Protein backbone atom coordinates (compact mmCIF):
# COMPACT_ATOMS: atom_id res chain seq x y z
CA UNK A 1 -124.72 33.11 35.82
CA UNK A 2 -123.58 31.18 32.74
CA UNK A 3 -121.35 34.13 31.81
CA UNK A 4 -119.57 33.84 35.16
CA UNK A 5 -119.16 30.08 34.74
CA UNK A 6 -117.84 30.56 31.22
CA UNK A 7 -115.43 33.24 32.43
CA UNK A 8 -114.22 30.98 35.25
CA UNK A 9 -113.71 28.11 32.83
CA UNK A 10 -111.80 30.36 30.43
CA UNK A 11 -109.55 31.59 33.25
CA UNK A 12 -108.89 28.01 34.36
CA UNK A 13 -107.95 26.94 30.82
CA UNK A 14 -105.66 29.96 30.45
CA UNK A 15 -104.05 29.09 33.79
CA UNK A 16 -103.39 25.52 32.67
CA UNK A 17 -101.94 26.73 29.36
CA UNK A 18 -99.70 29.18 31.17
CA UNK A 19 -98.53 26.52 33.62
CA UNK A 20 -97.73 24.09 30.80
CA UNK A 21 -95.89 26.74 28.78
CA UNK A 22 -93.71 27.77 31.70
CA UNK A 23 -92.96 24.25 32.94
CA UNK A 24 -92.08 22.74 29.58
CA UNK A 25 -91.09 25.47 27.15
CA UNK A 26 -90.02 24.62 23.63
CA UNK A 27 -87.08 26.49 22.24
CA UNK A 28 -85.81 27.16 18.74
CA UNK A 29 -82.25 28.12 18.01
CA UNK A 30 -81.19 30.61 15.34
CA UNK A 31 -77.64 31.57 14.37
CA UNK A 32 -77.78 35.05 12.89
CA UNK A 33 -74.16 35.12 11.79
CA UNK A 34 -71.76 34.02 14.51
CA UNK A 35 -68.54 32.03 14.46
CA UNK A 36 -70.41 28.91 15.74
CA UNK A 37 -68.71 28.92 19.15
CA UNK A 38 -71.99 29.73 20.90
CA UNK A 39 -73.85 27.20 18.77
CA UNK A 40 -71.54 24.43 19.91
CA UNK A 41 -72.11 25.42 23.55
CA UNK A 42 -75.90 25.50 23.07
CA UNK A 43 -75.80 22.02 21.59
CA UNK A 44 -73.61 20.91 24.51
CA UNK A 45 -76.37 22.01 26.92
CA UNK A 46 -78.67 19.47 25.26
CA UNK A 47 -76.28 16.54 25.69
CA UNK A 48 -76.71 14.14 28.62
CA UNK A 49 -73.77 15.75 30.43
CA UNK A 50 -75.59 19.07 30.96
CA UNK A 51 -79.14 17.96 30.06
CA UNK A 52 -81.22 21.10 29.63
CA UNK A 53 -84.26 18.87 29.08
CA UNK A 54 -84.37 17.99 32.80
CA UNK A 55 -85.81 21.49 33.29
CA UNK A 56 -88.49 20.82 30.69
CA UNK A 57 -86.82 22.78 27.87
CA UNK A 58 -87.02 20.98 24.54
CA UNK A 59 -85.37 22.02 21.29
CA UNK A 60 -88.02 22.42 18.61
CA UNK A 61 -87.51 22.64 14.86
CA UNK A 62 -90.46 24.86 13.99
CA UNK A 63 -90.95 28.46 15.14
CA UNK A 64 -94.72 27.90 15.06
CA UNK A 65 -94.38 25.57 18.05
CA UNK A 66 -91.61 27.35 19.99
CA UNK A 67 -91.94 29.54 23.07
CA UNK A 68 -88.32 30.69 23.34
CA UNK A 69 -86.06 31.92 20.55
CA UNK A 70 -82.39 31.40 21.39
CA UNK A 71 -80.27 33.64 19.16
CA UNK A 72 -76.52 33.70 18.66
CA UNK A 73 -74.28 36.01 16.71
CA UNK A 74 -74.60 39.54 15.42
CA UNK A 75 -77.41 40.23 12.99
CA UNK A 76 -76.14 40.39 9.43
CA UNK A 77 -77.90 42.08 6.54
CA UNK A 78 -78.72 38.68 5.07
CA UNK A 79 -80.14 37.22 8.27
CA UNK A 80 -82.23 40.21 9.40
CA UNK A 81 -85.35 39.30 7.41
CA UNK A 82 -85.11 35.63 8.39
CA UNK A 83 -84.78 36.53 12.06
CA UNK A 84 -87.83 38.80 11.86
CA UNK A 85 -89.82 36.12 10.02
CA UNK A 86 -88.96 33.48 12.63
CA UNK A 87 -89.89 35.88 15.45
CA UNK A 88 -93.22 36.77 13.82
CA UNK A 89 -94.09 33.09 13.24
CA UNK A 90 -93.78 32.27 16.94
CA UNK A 91 -97.05 32.27 18.90
CA UNK A 92 -97.58 34.78 21.70
CA UNK A 93 -96.28 34.98 24.35
CA UNK A 94 -92.78 34.56 22.98
CA UNK A 95 -89.43 35.14 24.59
CA UNK A 96 -85.99 35.84 23.13
CA UNK A 97 -82.63 34.94 24.64
CA UNK A 98 -79.45 36.54 23.24
CA UNK A 99 -76.46 34.26 23.74
CA UNK A 100 -72.84 35.36 23.54
CA UNK A 101 -71.02 38.65 23.19
CA UNK A 102 -71.82 38.88 19.49
CA UNK A 103 -75.56 38.52 20.07
CA UNK A 104 -75.52 41.09 22.87
CA UNK A 105 -73.33 43.78 21.36
CA UNK A 106 -72.03 42.66 17.97
CA UNK A 107 -68.81 41.43 19.58
CA UNK A 108 -65.76 41.07 17.40
CA UNK A 109 -67.87 41.65 14.31
CA UNK A 110 -69.15 45.11 15.34
CA UNK A 111 -68.38 47.67 12.69
CA UNK A 112 -68.08 45.19 9.83
CA UNK A 113 -69.70 46.20 6.56
CA UNK A 114 -72.37 43.49 6.63
CA UNK A 115 -73.32 43.66 10.35
CA UNK A 116 -76.48 45.47 11.39
CA UNK A 117 -75.74 45.07 15.10
CA UNK A 118 -76.95 43.16 18.12
CA UNK A 119 -80.11 41.09 18.28
CA UNK A 120 -81.98 43.67 20.37
CA UNK A 121 -81.62 46.18 17.54
CA UNK A 122 -83.92 43.96 15.45
CA UNK A 123 -86.24 42.16 17.90
CA UNK A 124 -86.96 42.62 21.65
CA UNK A 125 -84.73 40.49 23.90
CA UNK A 126 -85.88 39.14 27.27
CA UNK A 127 -82.64 37.60 28.57
CA UNK A 128 -78.94 38.09 27.88
CA UNK A 129 -76.28 35.42 28.42
CA UNK A 130 -72.79 36.98 28.12
CA UNK A 131 -69.58 35.20 27.20
CA UNK A 132 -67.45 34.36 24.21
CA UNK A 133 -68.65 31.64 24.07
CA UNK A 134 -70.69 31.23 27.25
CA UNK A 135 -70.30 27.94 29.07
CA UNK A 136 -73.22 25.48 29.02
CA UNK A 137 -73.77 26.14 32.73
CA UNK A 138 -74.24 29.84 32.00
CA UNK A 139 -76.72 29.10 29.22
CA UNK A 140 -78.73 26.81 31.48
CA UNK A 141 -78.61 29.39 34.28
CA UNK A 142 -79.83 32.15 31.94
CA UNK A 143 -82.73 30.11 30.59
CA UNK A 144 -83.76 29.00 34.10
CA UNK A 145 -83.64 32.59 35.40
CA UNK A 146 -85.84 33.68 32.48
CA UNK A 147 -88.36 30.94 33.30
CA UNK A 148 -88.32 31.81 37.01
CA UNK A 149 -88.97 35.48 36.29
CA UNK A 150 -91.84 34.52 33.99
CA UNK A 151 -93.30 32.28 36.69
CA UNK A 152 -93.15 35.18 39.17
CA UNK A 153 -94.95 37.43 36.70
CA UNK A 154 -97.60 34.75 36.15
CA UNK A 155 -98.03 34.26 39.90
CA UNK A 156 -98.44 37.99 40.43
CA UNK A 157 -101.07 38.24 37.70
CA UNK A 158 -102.85 35.15 39.04
CA UNK A 159 -103.07 36.76 42.48
CA UNK A 160 -104.83 39.72 40.91
CA UNK A 161 -107.47 37.43 39.42
CA UNK A 162 -109.60 36.46 42.37
CA UNK A 163 -112.55 34.52 41.19
CA UNK A 164 -115.14 32.50 43.00
CA UNK A 165 -116.89 29.41 41.77
CA UNK A 166 -120.63 29.89 41.38
CA UNK A 167 -122.84 28.11 43.88
CA UNK A 168 -120.58 28.82 46.86
CA UNK A 169 -117.90 26.22 46.03
């Protein structure tokens, strides 16, 4: 009986952690070699005019505390190892958003001698936000759609877990 209670408690704690992570995700931004156009637009989404924080998204300085990695630019040879290190330092579950044409396909820099390619050639990407540079509204829309899809996945997995409190509660 104590095993069932412990299992129920563990599931409840995991549910609360999941709810908190999806309703107030922390993001870290990494420029892997772009022209800074996308970076300016990402910073514009954090200003009071667009206010990404109203959706609970907060820009974080440390990858060890971030849930979402927002990447811009094509991956250069110099930035590949840093990008991998940042991705590996993030706690699971972690999500990656590729912003801009360069992050999605290499953009104008594709074929250059120092470009490895797009972000998804180095790390797995969960959401793509196209544009050169994408508008702040598009960035907000992409992040919100990622969060909504994650909430649907969490709701579907929560429906599979049917548990009953011991003692008939």
